[in-house]
Amino acid sequence: MSWTGPEDIYLSTSLASYLDKKLLVMLRDGRKLMGTLRSFDQFANAVLEGASERVIVGDLYCDIPLGLYVIRGENVVLIGELDLEREELPPHMTCVSTEEIKQAQKTDREASDLKGTMRKRMEFLDLD
């Protein structure tokens, strides 16, 4: 008994066209990974070589190097080829260190949490 059906073949062959190309992979948890696709299987599990995670907070960004990275196929939301001839980011974006982006993420998360708690406190007003 075979586990793969005809529909599974189309998924794997479409990834074959991305082999040895630089990709952007968006995951279910919101992370964005970049790297060169070296291998994949019928479940869309993928291996990225020279992978890095791009973290963006406001106008700041940082590429955190990850090295060789294995991605479980069920976590992939989107895979796209990066155009190497084109500028990756708008000119107003600023590259910062890993420590700076982590601090910016923490500040952004705290502001978001505060906004959420304030909204909960004000629900009794029924402003809608």
Protein backbone atom coordinates (compact mmCIF):
# COMPACT_ATOMS: atom_id res chain seq x y z
CA MET A 1 0.00 0.00 0.00
CA SER A 2 1.43 3.37 -1.03
CA TRP A 3 1.03 6.47 1.11
CA THR A 4 1.53 8.87 -1.76
CA GLY A 5 -1.25 9.70 -4.12
CA PRO A 6 -1.13 11.58 -7.43
CA GLU A 7 -1.72 14.90 -5.68
CA ASP A 8 1.47 14.42 -3.61
CA ILE A 9 3.60 14.23 -6.75
CA TYR A 10 2.71 17.78 -7.80
CA LEU A 11 3.83 19.22 -4.47
CA SER A 12 7.24 17.59 -4.61
CA THR A 13 7.86 18.40 -8.28
CA SER A 14 7.01 22.05 -7.73
CA LEU A 15 9.68 22.21 -5.01
CA ALA A 16 12.18 20.58 -7.38
CA SER A 17 12.29 23.78 -9.42
CA TYR A 18 13.57 25.61 -6.30
CA LEU A 19 16.55 23.30 -5.64
CA ASP A 20 19.85 25.18 -5.24
CA LYS A 21 18.06 28.55 -5.27
CA LYS A 22 17.85 31.16 -2.53
CA LEU A 23 14.38 31.11 -0.96
CA LEU A 24 12.26 32.95 1.55
CA VAL A 25 10.23 30.57 3.71
CA MET A 26 7.45 31.88 5.94
CA LEU A 27 6.46 29.64 8.85
CA ARG A 28 3.18 29.26 10.75
CA ASP A 29 4.61 30.99 13.80
CA GLY A 30 5.42 34.09 11.74
CA ARG A 31 9.16 33.57 11.35
CA LYS A 32 10.79 34.34 8.01
CA LEU A 33 13.75 32.17 7.01
CA MET A 34 16.09 32.67 4.08
CA GLY A 35 18.52 30.16 2.65
CA THR A 36 19.40 27.87 -0.23
CA LEU A 37 17.12 24.87 -0.71
CA ARG A 38 19.28 21.74 -0.72
CA SER A 39 16.75 18.95 -0.20
CA PHE A 40 13.06 18.16 0.37
CA ASP A 41 10.78 15.15 0.62
CA GLN A 42 7.18 14.20 -0.22
CA PHE A 43 5.92 15.90 2.97
CA ALA A 44 7.50 19.24 1.99
CA ASN A 45 10.09 18.89 4.76
CA ALA A 46 12.95 21.04 3.54
CA VAL A 47 16.65 21.54 4.22
CA LEU A 48 18.03 25.08 3.91
CA GLU A 49 21.76 25.68 3.70
CA GLY A 50 23.17 28.97 4.95
CA ALA A 51 19.83 29.73 6.57
CA SER A 52 19.15 32.93 8.47
CA GLU A 53 16.08 34.27 10.22
CA ARG A 54 15.06 37.78 9.22
CA VAL A 55 13.55 39.66 12.15
CA ILE A 56 11.79 42.95 11.38
CA VAL A 57 10.57 45.39 14.03
CA GLY A 58 9.35 48.72 12.67
CA ASP A 59 12.16 50.14 10.50
CA LEU A 60 14.79 47.87 12.05
CA TYR A 61 15.83 44.45 10.82
CA CYS A 62 18.42 41.81 11.59
CA ASP A 63 19.44 38.58 9.87
CA ILE A 64 20.24 35.98 12.53
CA PRO A 65 22.44 33.21 11.06
CA LEU A 66 21.16 29.66 11.66
CA GLY A 67 23.41 27.55 9.40
CA LEU A 68 21.99 24.28 8.07
CA TYR A 69 18.30 24.22 8.96
CA VAL A 70 15.65 21.50 8.65
CA ILE A 71 12.04 22.70 8.35
CA ARG A 72 9.06 20.45 8.99
CA GLY A 73 6.71 20.70 6.01
CA GLU A 74 3.52 21.22 8.04
CA ASN A 75 4.97 24.46 9.43
CA VAL A 76 5.53 26.04 6.01
CA VAL A 77 3.02 28.69 4.96
CA LEU A 78 4.80 30.12 1.93
CA ILE A 79 7.93 29.42 -0.11
CA GLY A 80 9.21 31.88 -2.68
CA GLU A 81 12.38 32.41 -4.66
CA LEU A 82 14.37 35.55 -3.88
CA ASP A 83 15.40 37.72 -6.80
CA LEU A 84 19.16 38.17 -6.38
CA GLU A 85 19.23 41.07 -8.85
CA ARG A 86 16.81 43.15 -6.83
CA GLU A 87 17.28 45.03 -3.57
CA GLU A 88 15.78 42.96 -0.76
CA LEU A 89 14.58 45.77 1.50
CA PRO A 90 13.36 49.36 1.13
CA PRO A 91 16.08 52.00 1.69
CA HIS A 92 14.51 53.28 4.95
CA MET A 93 15.16 49.94 6.73
CA THR A 94 18.14 49.89 9.10
CA CYS A 95 20.24 46.81 9.82
CA VAL A 96 20.98 46.40 13.54
CA SER A 97 22.73 43.85 15.74
CA THR A 98 21.07 40.79 17.21
CA GLU A 99 21.02 42.34 20.69
CA GLU A 100 19.35 45.52 19.40
CA ILE A 101 16.63 43.63 17.51
CA LYS A 102 15.92 41.43 20.55
CA GLN A 103 15.52 44.57 22.67
CA ALA A 104 13.24 46.13 20.02
CA GLN A 105 11.15 42.91 19.96
CA LYS A 106 10.84 42.98 23.74
CA THR A 107 9.78 46.63 23.75
CA ASP A 108 7.28 45.99 20.95
CA ARG A 109 5.84 42.95 22.75
CA GLU A 110 5.50 44.90 26.02
CA ALA A 111 3.70 47.75 24.24
CA SER A 112 1.38 45.25 22.57
CA ASP A 113 0.66 43.51 25.89
CA LEU A 114 -0.06 46.85 27.57
CA LYS A 115 -2.44 47.81 24.78
CA GLY A 116 -4.24 44.46 25.17
CA THR A 117 -4.61 44.83 28.94
CA MET A 118 -5.88 48.39 28.58
CA ARG A 119 -8.46 47.20 26.05
CA LYS A 120 -9.65 44.51 28.49
CA ARG A 121 -9.97 47.07 31.29
CA MET A 122 -12.06 49.34 29.08
CA GLU A 123 -14.45 46.64 27.78
CA PHE A 124 -17.10 47.63 30.29
CA LEU A 125 -17.56 50.95 28.46
CA ASP A 126 -18.90 49.16 25.36
CA LEU A 127 -17.66 51.80 22.91
CA ASP A 128 -18.93 49.94 19.82
